């Protein structure tokens, strides 16, 4: 298995001109490898980064990354499993640290039936992050300007009126949020993308 660590792409972290020089590492041929002079680009907007974070928080809250809830602090992440259970991944982050865990063999052996990213990698990530974050304050992800939250009707994906059963808050880039209420669109229903291939 392997562990990697970095800063997540949040606005409250060093921007390219402030990024400290990374330490060198050695390649498999024992040659010194550095990223001296590397300046990362800001490739997506703060709003897009936040929306992706919000989606990945749901992977932890309600999806395959549920084991990371044991961290007991805001975190976001994604599990991954390759065919025949050969590799299991969990890539996750808090506002302070991004870490990835890979579990697998250097050859193509299977880890075993049901050894998924959720089961094999996520517990390792959680244990590591508990140690890495000990002593650091619990922080929420910063919501950048230009993000709005609206109440959504789960049956239609449109705006929910107060009292709508199972309504939930969803974030949008300002100006892209739904403008119509569910009861204004008779017969509308959200597209079930999981059914589109069938």
N, C-alpha and C. Protein backbone atom coordinates (compact mmCIF):
# COMPACT_ATOMS: atom_id res chain seq x y z
N UNK A 1 0.82 -1.19 0.00
CA UNK A 1 0.00 0.00 0.00
C UNK A 1 0.86 1.25 0.00
N UNK A 2 0.26 2.36 -0.29
CA UNK A 2 0.95 3.64 -0.35
C UNK A 2 0.09 4.73 0.25
N UNK A 3 0.74 5.79 0.73
CA UNK A 3 0.04 6.97 1.23
C UNK A 3 0.67 8.18 0.57
N UNK A 4 -0.14 9.13 0.12
CA UNK A 4 0.39 10.39 -0.39
C UNK A 4 -0.30 11.52 0.35
N UNK A 5 0.34 12.67 0.38
CA UNK A 5 -0.22 13.80 1.11
C UNK A 5 0.06 15.08 0.37
N UNK A 6 -0.89 16.01 0.41
CA UNK A 6 -0.76 17.30 -0.24
C UNK A 6 -1.78 18.24 0.36
N UNK A 7 -1.77 19.49 -0.09
CA UNK A 7 -2.81 20.44 0.30
C UNK A 7 -3.94 20.36 -0.70
N UNK A 8 -5.21 20.35 -0.23
CA UNK A 8 -6.32 20.38 -1.19
C UNK A 8 -6.41 21.73 -1.89
N UNK A 9 -7.08 21.78 -3.04
CA UNK A 9 -7.14 23.03 -3.82
C UNK A 9 -8.17 24.00 -3.27
N UNK A 10 -7.97 24.50 -2.07
CA UNK A 10 -8.90 25.45 -1.46
C UNK A 10 -8.29 26.85 -1.53
N UNK A 11 -9.11 27.84 -1.46
CA UNK A 11 -8.63 29.21 -1.56
C UNK A 11 -7.82 29.65 -0.35
N UNK A 12 -7.94 28.93 0.77
CA UNK A 12 -7.21 29.33 1.96
C UNK A 12 -5.86 28.60 2.08
N UNK A 13 -5.35 28.07 0.97
CA UNK A 13 -4.06 27.42 0.97
C UNK A 13 -3.11 28.21 0.09
N UNK A 14 -1.82 27.92 0.16
CA UNK A 14 -0.86 28.70 -0.62
C UNK A 14 -1.21 28.71 -2.09
N UNK A 15 -1.19 29.87 -2.68
CA UNK A 15 -1.39 30.00 -4.12
C UNK A 15 -0.03 29.77 -4.79
N UNK A 16 0.01 29.60 -6.09
CA UNK A 16 1.26 29.22 -6.75
C UNK A 16 2.49 30.03 -6.36
N UNK A 17 2.36 31.34 -6.25
CA UNK A 17 3.54 32.14 -5.92
C UNK A 17 3.99 31.95 -4.47
N UNK A 18 3.13 31.34 -3.63
CA UNK A 18 3.48 31.13 -2.23
C UNK A 18 3.87 29.69 -1.94
N UNK A 19 3.74 28.79 -2.92
CA UNK A 19 3.96 27.37 -2.68
C UNK A 19 5.43 27.12 -2.35
N UNK A 20 5.68 26.49 -1.20
CA UNK A 20 7.07 26.21 -0.84
C UNK A 20 7.66 25.16 -1.78
N UNK A 21 8.99 25.19 -1.90
CA UNK A 21 9.65 24.19 -2.74
C UNK A 21 9.46 22.82 -2.12
N UNK A 22 9.14 21.85 -2.97
CA UNK A 22 8.96 20.49 -2.49
C UNK A 22 10.31 19.82 -2.33
N UNK A 23 10.37 18.86 -1.40
CA UNK A 23 11.59 18.11 -1.21
C UNK A 23 11.72 17.11 -2.34
N UNK A 24 12.95 16.77 -2.71
CA UNK A 24 13.18 15.80 -3.76
C UNK A 24 12.93 14.38 -3.27
N UNK A 25 12.70 13.49 -4.22
CA UNK A 25 12.56 12.07 -3.93
C UNK A 25 13.42 11.31 -4.91
N UNK A 26 13.55 10.01 -4.73
CA UNK A 26 14.37 9.20 -5.63
C UNK A 26 13.47 8.33 -6.49
N UNK A 27 13.84 8.22 -7.76
CA UNK A 27 13.11 7.35 -8.68
C UNK A 27 13.50 5.90 -8.41
N UNK A 28 12.85 4.98 -9.12
CA UNK A 28 13.18 3.56 -8.95
C UNK A 28 14.62 3.26 -9.37
N UNK A 29 15.22 4.14 -10.19
CA UNK A 29 16.62 3.97 -10.59
C UNK A 29 17.56 4.73 -9.64
N UNK A 30 17.02 5.19 -8.51
CA UNK A 30 17.78 5.92 -7.49
C UNK A 30 18.29 7.27 -7.97
N UNK A 31 17.67 7.84 -9.00
CA UNK A 31 18.03 9.18 -9.45
C UNK A 31 17.21 10.19 -8.67
N UNK A 32 17.83 11.31 -8.34
CA UNK A 32 17.13 12.37 -7.61
C UNK A 32 16.05 12.99 -8.50
N UNK A 33 14.83 13.06 -7.99
CA UNK A 33 13.71 13.64 -8.72
C UNK A 33 13.21 14.82 -7.90
N UNK A 34 13.16 15.98 -8.49
CA UNK A 34 12.63 17.14 -7.79
C UNK A 34 11.60 17.83 -8.67
N UNK A 35 10.82 18.64 -8.04
CA UNK A 35 9.90 19.47 -8.82
C UNK A 35 10.27 20.93 -8.61
N UNK A 36 11.59 21.17 -8.52
CA UNK A 36 12.10 22.51 -8.33
C UNK A 36 11.62 23.42 -9.46
N UNK A 37 11.14 24.55 -9.09
CA UNK A 37 10.66 25.50 -10.07
C UNK A 37 9.23 25.25 -10.53
N UNK A 38 8.63 24.17 -10.05
CA UNK A 38 7.24 23.87 -10.44
C UNK A 38 6.30 24.88 -9.80
N UNK A 39 5.45 25.48 -10.60
CA UNK A 39 4.44 26.41 -10.11
C UNK A 39 3.08 25.89 -10.57
N UNK A 40 2.25 25.39 -9.64
CA UNK A 40 0.94 24.86 -10.06
C UNK A 40 0.04 25.97 -10.58
N UNK A 41 -0.78 25.63 -11.55
CA UNK A 41 -1.75 26.58 -12.10
C UNK A 41 -3.06 26.48 -11.32
N UNK A 42 -3.75 27.58 -11.24
CA UNK A 42 -5.10 27.61 -10.67
C UNK A 42 -6.02 27.26 -11.83
N UNK A 43 -6.45 25.97 -11.93
CA UNK A 43 -7.10 25.50 -13.14
C UNK A 43 -8.63 25.52 -13.11
N UNK A 44 -9.23 25.60 -11.93
CA UNK A 44 -10.69 25.72 -11.85
C UNK A 44 -11.04 26.84 -10.89
N UNK A 45 -12.24 27.35 -11.03
CA UNK A 45 -12.66 28.46 -10.16
C UNK A 45 -12.88 27.96 -8.74
N UNK A 46 -12.84 28.88 -7.80
CA UNK A 46 -13.12 28.55 -6.40
C UNK A 46 -14.52 27.97 -6.25
N UNK A 47 -15.47 28.47 -7.04
CA UNK A 47 -16.84 27.99 -6.96
C UNK A 47 -16.93 26.53 -7.44
N UNK A 48 -16.27 26.22 -8.55
CA UNK A 48 -16.27 24.84 -9.05
C UNK A 48 -15.59 23.91 -8.05
N UNK A 49 -14.47 24.35 -7.47
CA UNK A 49 -13.78 23.54 -6.47
C UNK A 49 -14.69 23.27 -5.27
N UNK A 50 -15.45 24.28 -4.85
CA UNK A 50 -16.34 24.08 -3.71
C UNK A 50 -17.47 23.10 -4.05
N UNK A 51 -18.05 23.23 -5.24
CA UNK A 51 -19.14 22.32 -5.63
C UNK A 51 -18.62 20.88 -5.67
N UNK A 52 -17.42 20.66 -6.21
CA UNK A 52 -16.84 19.32 -6.21
C UNK A 52 -16.61 18.82 -4.79
N UNK A 53 -16.13 19.69 -3.92
CA UNK A 53 -15.94 19.31 -2.52
C UNK A 53 -17.27 18.93 -1.89
N UNK A 54 -18.31 19.71 -2.15
CA UNK A 54 -19.63 19.42 -1.61
C UNK A 54 -20.13 18.05 -2.08
N UNK A 55 -19.92 17.74 -3.34
CA UNK A 55 -20.31 16.43 -3.88
C UNK A 55 -19.53 15.32 -3.18
N UNK A 56 -18.21 15.53 -3.01
CA UNK A 56 -17.38 14.51 -2.39
C UNK A 56 -17.62 14.39 -0.88
N UNK A 57 -18.13 15.44 -0.24
CA UNK A 57 -18.56 15.32 1.15
C UNK A 57 -19.73 14.33 1.25
N UNK A 58 -20.61 14.35 0.25
CA UNK A 58 -21.74 13.43 0.24
C UNK A 58 -21.29 11.98 0.09
N UNK A 59 -20.16 11.73 -0.58
CA UNK A 59 -19.63 10.37 -0.68
C UNK A 59 -19.33 9.84 0.72
N UNK A 60 -18.83 10.72 1.60
CA UNK A 60 -18.54 10.34 2.98
C UNK A 60 -19.84 10.27 3.80
N UNK A 61 -20.69 11.25 3.66
CA UNK A 61 -21.92 11.30 4.48
C UNK A 61 -22.91 10.19 4.13
N UNK A 62 -23.06 9.88 2.83
CA UNK A 62 -24.12 8.98 2.40
C UNK A 62 -23.69 7.88 1.43
N UNK A 63 -22.41 7.81 1.12
CA UNK A 63 -21.98 6.88 0.08
C UNK A 63 -20.93 5.89 0.53
N UNK A 64 -20.12 5.47 -0.42
CA UNK A 64 -19.14 4.42 -0.17
C UNK A 64 -18.00 4.84 0.76
N UNK A 65 -17.83 6.14 0.97
CA UNK A 65 -16.78 6.62 1.88
C UNK A 65 -17.24 6.77 3.31
N UNK A 66 -18.35 6.13 3.67
CA UNK A 66 -18.97 6.31 4.99
C UNK A 66 -18.03 5.99 6.15
N UNK A 67 -17.06 5.13 5.95
CA UNK A 67 -16.15 4.79 7.06
C UNK A 67 -15.31 6.01 7.50
N UNK A 68 -15.14 6.98 6.62
CA UNK A 68 -14.37 8.18 6.96
C UNK A 68 -15.12 9.08 7.95
N UNK A 69 -16.41 8.82 8.17
CA UNK A 69 -17.15 9.60 9.17
C UNK A 69 -16.54 9.43 10.56
N UNK A 70 -15.79 8.35 10.78
CA UNK A 70 -15.13 8.12 12.07
C UNK A 70 -14.11 9.21 12.37
N UNK A 71 -13.71 9.97 11.36
CA UNK A 71 -12.78 11.09 11.57
C UNK A 71 -13.41 12.18 12.43
N UNK A 72 -14.74 12.27 12.40
CA UNK A 72 -15.50 13.23 13.20
C UNK A 72 -15.10 14.68 12.92
N UNK A 73 -14.88 14.98 11.66
CA UNK A 73 -14.63 16.34 11.20
C UNK A 73 -14.98 16.40 9.72
N UNK A 74 -15.24 17.60 9.20
CA UNK A 74 -15.59 17.70 7.78
C UNK A 74 -14.50 17.10 6.90
N UNK A 75 -14.92 16.23 5.99
CA UNK A 75 -13.99 15.65 5.03
C UNK A 75 -14.75 15.27 3.77
N UNK A 76 -14.00 15.12 2.71
CA UNK A 76 -14.56 14.78 1.41
C UNK A 76 -13.65 13.73 0.79
N UNK A 77 -14.20 12.88 -0.06
CA UNK A 77 -13.35 11.88 -0.66
C UNK A 77 -14.07 10.99 -1.64
N UNK A 78 -13.30 10.06 -2.22
CA UNK A 78 -13.84 9.14 -3.21
C UNK A 78 -13.14 7.81 -3.10
N UNK A 79 -13.94 6.74 -3.08
CA UNK A 79 -13.39 5.39 -3.09
C UNK A 79 -13.14 4.96 -4.52
N UNK A 80 -12.33 3.93 -4.69
CA UNK A 80 -12.10 3.36 -6.00
C UNK A 80 -11.69 1.91 -5.87
N UNK A 81 -12.17 1.09 -6.79
CA UNK A 81 -11.85 -0.33 -6.81
C UNK A 81 -11.67 -0.75 -8.27
N UNK A 82 -10.58 -1.47 -8.58
CA UNK A 82 -10.39 -1.92 -9.95
C UNK A 82 -11.00 -3.31 -10.15
N UNK A 83 -11.07 -3.73 -11.40
CA UNK A 83 -11.64 -5.04 -11.74
C UNK A 83 -10.94 -6.15 -10.96
N UNK A 84 -11.72 -7.14 -10.59
CA UNK A 84 -11.22 -8.31 -9.86
C UNK A 84 -10.57 -7.95 -8.53
N UNK A 85 -10.93 -6.80 -7.99
CA UNK A 85 -10.44 -6.36 -6.67
C UNK A 85 -8.91 -6.35 -6.60
N UNK A 86 -8.25 -5.91 -7.68
CA UNK A 86 -6.78 -5.85 -7.69
C UNK A 86 -6.24 -4.63 -6.97
N UNK A 87 -6.97 -3.53 -7.00
CA UNK A 87 -6.53 -2.29 -6.37
C UNK A 87 -7.71 -1.68 -5.63
N UNK A 88 -7.42 -1.09 -4.49
CA UNK A 88 -8.44 -0.37 -3.72
C UNK A 88 -7.86 0.99 -3.34
N UNK A 89 -8.66 2.04 -3.52
CA UNK A 89 -8.21 3.41 -3.27
C UNK A 89 -9.18 4.13 -2.36
N UNK A 90 -8.67 5.08 -1.62
CA UNK A 90 -9.50 6.14 -1.06
C UNK A 90 -8.66 7.41 -1.12
N UNK A 91 -9.19 8.40 -1.83
CA UNK A 91 -8.57 9.73 -1.90
C UNK A 91 -9.48 10.65 -1.13
N UNK A 92 -8.97 11.32 -0.11
CA UNK A 92 -9.82 12.18 0.69
C UNK A 92 -9.08 13.38 1.22
N UNK A 93 -9.87 14.36 1.69
CA UNK A 93 -9.24 15.56 2.21
C UNK A 93 -10.14 16.27 3.21
N UNK A 94 -9.48 17.06 4.03
CA UNK A 94 -10.12 18.00 4.95
C UNK A 94 -9.68 19.39 4.48
N UNK A 95 -10.13 20.45 5.14
CA UNK A 95 -9.62 21.77 4.75
C UNK A 95 -8.11 21.92 4.95
N UNK A 96 -7.49 21.02 5.73
CA UNK A 96 -6.06 21.15 6.00
C UNK A 96 -5.17 20.20 5.19
N UNK A 97 -5.62 18.98 4.92
CA UNK A 97 -4.74 17.97 4.32
C UNK A 97 -5.51 17.13 3.29
N UNK A 98 -4.82 16.82 2.18
CA UNK A 98 -5.32 15.86 1.20
C UNK A 98 -4.43 14.63 1.27
N UNK A 99 -5.03 13.45 1.35
CA UNK A 99 -4.27 12.22 1.44
C UNK A 99 -4.93 11.14 0.59
N UNK A 100 -4.11 10.32 -0.03
CA UNK A 100 -4.63 9.18 -0.79
C UNK A 100 -4.01 7.90 -0.29
N UNK A 101 -4.81 6.84 -0.27
CA UNK A 101 -4.33 5.52 0.14
C UNK A 101 -4.62 4.54 -0.99
N UNK A 102 -3.61 3.79 -1.38
CA UNK A 102 -3.77 2.72 -2.34
C UNK A 102 -3.41 1.42 -1.65
N UNK A 103 -4.22 0.40 -1.85
CA UNK A 103 -3.93 -0.94 -1.33
C UNK A 103 -3.92 -1.88 -2.53
N UNK A 104 -2.85 -2.63 -2.68
CA UNK A 104 -2.76 -3.57 -3.79
C UNK A 104 -1.39 -4.21 -3.82
N UNK A 105 -1.19 -5.06 -4.80
CA UNK A 105 0.08 -5.73 -5.00
C UNK A 105 0.78 -5.11 -6.21
N UNK A 106 2.10 -5.30 -6.31
CA UNK A 106 2.85 -4.79 -7.46
C UNK A 106 2.57 -5.60 -8.72
N UNK A 107 1.97 -6.77 -8.56
CA UNK A 107 1.59 -7.57 -9.73
C UNK A 107 0.07 -7.51 -9.85
N UNK A 108 -0.53 -8.42 -10.59
CA UNK A 108 -1.97 -8.34 -10.81
C UNK A 108 -2.78 -9.28 -9.92
N UNK A 109 -2.28 -9.60 -8.74
CA UNK A 109 -3.03 -10.45 -7.82
C UNK A 109 -4.23 -9.70 -7.27
N UNK A 110 -5.28 -10.43 -7.02
CA UNK A 110 -6.48 -9.86 -6.41
C UNK A 110 -6.26 -9.70 -4.91
N UNK A 111 -6.84 -8.66 -4.34
CA UNK A 111 -6.82 -8.48 -2.88
C UNK A 111 -7.77 -9.46 -2.20
N UNK A 112 -8.71 -9.97 -2.94
CA UNK A 112 -9.72 -10.87 -2.39
C UNK A 112 -11.10 -10.30 -2.62
N UNK A 113 -12.07 -11.18 -2.63
CA UNK A 113 -13.45 -10.78 -2.89
C UNK A 113 -13.91 -9.75 -1.87
N UNK A 114 -14.56 -8.72 -2.36
CA UNK A 114 -15.14 -7.63 -1.56
C UNK A 114 -14.10 -6.70 -0.94
N UNK A 115 -12.84 -6.78 -1.34
CA UNK A 115 -11.82 -5.86 -0.83
C UNK A 115 -11.86 -4.59 -1.68
N UNK A 116 -12.81 -3.75 -1.38
CA UNK A 116 -13.08 -2.52 -2.14
C UNK A 116 -12.31 -1.35 -1.56
N UNK A 117 -12.38 -0.21 -2.23
CA UNK A 117 -11.79 1.01 -1.69
C UNK A 117 -12.42 1.37 -0.36
N UNK A 118 -13.71 1.15 -0.24
CA UNK A 118 -14.41 1.45 1.01
C UNK A 118 -13.91 0.56 2.15
N UNK A 119 -13.74 -0.71 1.87
CA UNK A 119 -13.40 -1.67 2.92
C UNK A 119 -11.90 -1.75 3.20
N UNK A 120 -11.07 -1.71 2.15
CA UNK A 120 -9.63 -1.92 2.34
C UNK A 120 -8.84 -0.63 2.54
N UNK A 121 -9.18 0.44 1.80
CA UNK A 121 -8.37 1.66 1.83
C UNK A 121 -8.91 2.73 2.77
N UNK A 122 -10.21 2.90 2.82
CA UNK A 122 -10.80 3.98 3.62
C UNK A 122 -10.46 3.88 5.12
N UNK A 123 -10.49 2.69 5.74
CA UNK A 123 -10.09 2.62 7.15
C UNK A 123 -8.64 3.04 7.39
N UNK A 124 -7.74 2.71 6.46
CA UNK A 124 -6.34 3.12 6.59
C UNK A 124 -6.24 4.64 6.51
N UNK A 125 -6.95 5.22 5.53
CA UNK A 125 -6.97 6.68 5.37
C UNK A 125 -7.47 7.34 6.65
N UNK A 126 -8.54 6.82 7.20
CA UNK A 126 -9.14 7.42 8.40
C UNK A 126 -8.17 7.36 9.57
N UNK A 127 -7.54 6.22 9.78
CA UNK A 127 -6.58 6.07 10.89
C UNK A 127 -5.40 7.03 10.70
N UNK A 128 -4.88 7.11 9.48
CA UNK A 128 -3.77 8.02 9.20
C UNK A 128 -4.17 9.47 9.45
N UNK A 129 -5.34 9.85 8.95
CA UNK A 129 -5.79 11.24 9.11
C UNK A 129 -6.06 11.58 10.57
N UNK A 130 -6.54 10.63 11.36
CA UNK A 130 -6.73 10.90 12.79
C UNK A 130 -5.41 11.30 13.42
N UNK A 131 -4.35 10.63 13.05
CA UNK A 131 -3.02 10.95 13.57
C UNK A 131 -2.51 12.27 12.98
N UNK A 132 -2.62 12.43 11.66
CA UNK A 132 -2.09 13.62 10.98
C UNK A 132 -2.79 14.90 11.44
N UNK A 133 -4.06 14.79 11.79
CA UNK A 133 -4.84 15.98 12.17
C UNK A 133 -4.91 16.20 13.68
N UNK A 134 -4.34 15.28 14.46
CA UNK A 134 -4.44 15.45 15.92
C UNK A 134 -3.77 16.76 16.32
N UNK A 135 -4.43 17.52 17.13
CA UNK A 135 -3.91 18.82 17.55
C UNK A 135 -4.30 19.96 16.64
N UNK A 136 -4.82 19.67 15.45
CA UNK A 136 -5.28 20.73 14.55
C UNK A 136 -6.76 21.00 14.81
N UNK A 137 -7.17 22.26 14.67
CA UNK A 137 -8.59 22.57 14.92
C UNK A 137 -9.50 21.94 13.86
N UNK A 138 -10.72 21.62 14.28
CA UNK A 138 -11.73 21.14 13.34
C UNK A 138 -12.19 22.34 12.53
N UNK A 139 -12.15 22.22 11.20
CA UNK A 139 -12.54 23.33 10.33
C UNK A 139 -13.57 22.87 9.32
N UNK A 140 -14.45 23.77 8.96
CA UNK A 140 -15.40 23.54 7.87
C UNK A 140 -14.71 23.97 6.57
N UNK A 141 -15.18 23.46 5.45
CA UNK A 141 -14.70 23.94 4.16
C UNK A 141 -15.23 25.35 3.94
N UNK A 142 -14.37 26.27 3.51
CA UNK A 142 -14.78 27.65 3.25
C UNK A 142 -15.72 27.70 2.05
N UNK A 143 -16.81 28.44 2.18
CA UNK A 143 -17.73 28.64 1.06
C UNK A 143 -17.31 29.94 0.37
N UNK A 144 -16.86 29.86 -0.88
CA UNK A 144 -16.39 31.08 -1.56
C UNK A 144 -17.55 31.97 -1.98
N UNK A 145 -17.29 33.25 -2.20
CA UNK A 145 -18.32 34.12 -2.77
C UNK A 145 -18.78 33.54 -4.11
N UNK A 146 -20.05 33.76 -4.43
CA UNK A 146 -20.58 33.27 -5.69
C UNK A 146 -21.24 31.91 -5.61
N UNK A 147 -21.34 31.36 -4.39
CA UNK A 147 -22.06 30.09 -4.17
C UNK A 147 -23.35 30.40 -3.44
N UNK A 148 -24.45 29.81 -3.89
CA UNK A 148 -25.74 29.96 -3.21
C UNK A 148 -26.28 28.58 -2.88
N UNK A 149 -27.03 28.51 -1.79
CA UNK A 149 -27.69 27.28 -1.37
C UNK A 149 -29.19 27.47 -1.52
N UNK A 150 -29.86 26.49 -2.12
CA UNK A 150 -31.32 26.54 -2.25
C UNK A 150 -31.89 25.19 -1.84
N UNK A 151 -33.15 25.21 -1.41
CA UNK A 151 -33.85 24.00 -1.02
C UNK A 151 -34.41 23.33 -2.27
N UNK A 152 -34.10 22.04 -2.44
CA UNK A 152 -34.45 21.30 -3.65
C UNK A 152 -35.49 20.21 -3.33
N UNK A 153 -36.46 20.08 -4.23
CA UNK A 153 -37.45 19.00 -4.16
C UNK A 153 -36.80 17.74 -4.73
N UNK A 154 -36.66 16.66 -3.94
CA UNK A 154 -35.96 15.47 -4.43
C UNK A 154 -36.68 14.75 -5.56
N UNK A 155 -37.97 14.98 -5.73
CA UNK A 155 -38.70 14.30 -6.80
C UNK A 155 -38.50 14.95 -8.17
N UNK A 156 -38.22 16.25 -8.18
CA UNK A 156 -38.14 16.96 -9.46
C UNK A 156 -36.79 17.62 -9.73
N UNK A 157 -36.01 17.88 -8.68
CA UNK A 157 -34.77 18.62 -8.85
C UNK A 157 -34.98 20.12 -8.97
N UNK A 158 -36.23 20.56 -8.77
CA UNK A 158 -36.56 21.99 -8.82
C UNK A 158 -36.62 22.55 -7.41
N UNK A 159 -36.89 23.85 -7.28
CA UNK A 159 -36.99 24.47 -5.96
C UNK A 159 -38.11 23.83 -5.15
N UNK A 160 -37.86 23.67 -3.86
CA UNK A 160 -38.85 23.10 -2.95
C UNK A 160 -39.53 24.20 -2.16
N UNK A 161 -40.80 24.06 -1.97
CA UNK A 161 -41.54 24.98 -1.11
C UNK A 161 -41.32 24.54 0.34
N UNK A 162 -41.49 25.48 1.30
CA UNK A 162 -41.37 25.08 2.71
C UNK A 162 -42.32 23.92 3.01
N UNK A 163 -41.82 22.95 3.76
CA UNK A 163 -42.63 21.80 4.13
C UNK A 163 -42.58 20.65 3.14
N UNK A 164 -41.84 20.79 2.04
CA UNK A 164 -41.72 19.70 1.07
C UNK A 164 -41.01 18.52 1.72
N UNK A 165 -41.61 17.32 1.70
CA UNK A 165 -40.97 16.15 2.32
C UNK A 165 -39.61 15.85 1.69
N UNK A 166 -38.63 15.60 2.52
CA UNK A 166 -37.28 15.18 2.11
C UNK A 166 -36.53 16.23 1.28
N UNK A 167 -36.96 17.49 1.34
CA UNK A 167 -36.23 18.56 0.64
C UNK A 167 -34.82 18.65 1.23
N UNK A 168 -33.87 19.05 0.43
CA UNK A 168 -32.49 19.16 0.90
C UNK A 168 -31.85 20.41 0.31
N UNK A 169 -30.82 20.91 1.00
CA UNK A 169 -30.08 22.06 0.50
C UNK A 169 -29.04 21.60 -0.50
N UNK A 170 -28.94 22.32 -1.59
CA UNK A 170 -27.94 22.04 -2.61
C UNK A 170 -27.24 23.34 -2.97
N UNK A 171 -25.95 23.24 -3.30
CA UNK A 171 -25.20 24.45 -3.66
C UNK A 171 -25.08 24.58 -5.17
N UNK A 172 -25.05 25.83 -5.62
CA UNK A 172 -24.94 26.15 -7.04
C UNK A 172 -24.06 27.37 -7.20
N UNK A 173 -23.44 27.49 -8.38
CA UNK A 173 -22.83 28.77 -8.74
C UNK A 173 -23.97 29.76 -8.87
N UNK A 174 -23.78 30.94 -8.30
CA UNK A 174 -24.82 31.96 -8.35
C UNK A 174 -25.26 32.18 -9.80
N UNK A 175 -26.57 32.14 -10.02
CA UNK A 175 -27.13 32.32 -11.35
C UNK A 175 -27.45 31.02 -12.06
N UNK A 176 -26.97 29.89 -11.53
CA UNK A 176 -27.25 28.60 -12.17
C UNK A 176 -28.27 27.78 -11.39
N UNK A 177 -28.70 28.29 -10.25
CA UNK A 177 -29.66 27.55 -9.42
C UNK A 177 -31.03 27.51 -10.11
N UNK A 178 -31.85 26.48 -9.81
CA UNK A 178 -33.19 26.43 -10.40
C UNK A 178 -33.99 27.69 -10.04
N UNK A 179 -34.85 28.12 -10.94
CA UNK A 179 -35.67 29.31 -10.71
C UNK A 179 -37.14 28.95 -10.50
N UNK A 180 -37.55 27.76 -10.92
CA UNK A 180 -38.95 27.36 -10.82
C UNK A 180 -39.15 26.42 -9.63
N UNK A 181 -40.34 26.48 -9.08
CA UNK A 181 -40.73 25.58 -7.99
C UNK A 181 -41.31 24.30 -8.58
N UNK A 182 -41.18 23.21 -7.84
CA UNK A 182 -41.63 21.91 -8.31
C UNK A 182 -43.07 21.92 -8.77
N UNK A 183 -43.94 22.61 -8.06
CA UNK A 183 -45.36 22.58 -8.42
C UNK A 183 -45.67 23.45 -9.64
N UNK A 184 -44.68 24.16 -10.18
CA UNK A 184 -44.88 24.95 -11.40
C UNK A 184 -44.67 24.10 -12.65
N UNK A 185 -44.05 22.95 -12.49
CA UNK A 185 -43.73 22.07 -13.62
C UNK A 185 -44.50 20.77 -13.45
N UNK A 186 -45.69 20.70 -13.92
CA UNK A 186 -46.51 19.49 -13.80
C UNK A 186 -45.87 18.34 -14.59
N UNK A 187 -45.79 17.21 -13.92
CA UNK A 187 -45.29 16.02 -14.59
C UNK A 187 -43.79 15.97 -14.75
N UNK A 188 -43.05 16.96 -14.24
CA UNK A 188 -41.60 16.92 -14.41
C UNK A 188 -41.00 15.97 -13.38
N UNK A 189 -39.96 15.32 -13.76
CA UNK A 189 -39.26 14.41 -12.86
C UNK A 189 -37.78 14.47 -13.21
N UNK A 190 -36.91 14.27 -12.21
CA UNK A 190 -35.48 14.32 -12.50
C UNK A 190 -35.09 13.15 -13.40
N UNK A 191 -34.04 13.33 -14.15
CA UNK A 191 -33.53 12.26 -15.00
C UNK A 191 -32.76 11.29 -14.12
N UNK A 192 -33.05 10.00 -14.24
CA UNK A 192 -32.31 8.98 -13.51
C UNK A 192 -31.17 8.52 -14.41
N UNK A 193 -29.98 9.11 -14.23
CA UNK A 193 -28.85 8.82 -15.09
C UNK A 193 -28.41 7.37 -15.01
N UNK A 194 -28.70 6.69 -13.90
CA UNK A 194 -28.31 5.30 -13.76
C UNK A 194 -29.17 4.38 -14.63
N UNK A 195 -30.31 4.85 -15.09
CA UNK A 195 -31.19 4.06 -15.93
C UNK A 195 -30.96 4.32 -17.42
N UNK A 196 -30.16 5.32 -17.76
CA UNK A 196 -30.01 5.72 -19.16
C UNK A 196 -29.36 4.65 -20.03
N UNK A 197 -28.48 3.81 -19.48
CA UNK A 197 -27.80 2.79 -20.28
C UNK A 197 -28.63 1.53 -20.47
N UNK A 198 -29.74 1.43 -19.79
CA UNK A 198 -30.52 0.19 -19.85
C UNK A 198 -31.57 0.21 -20.91
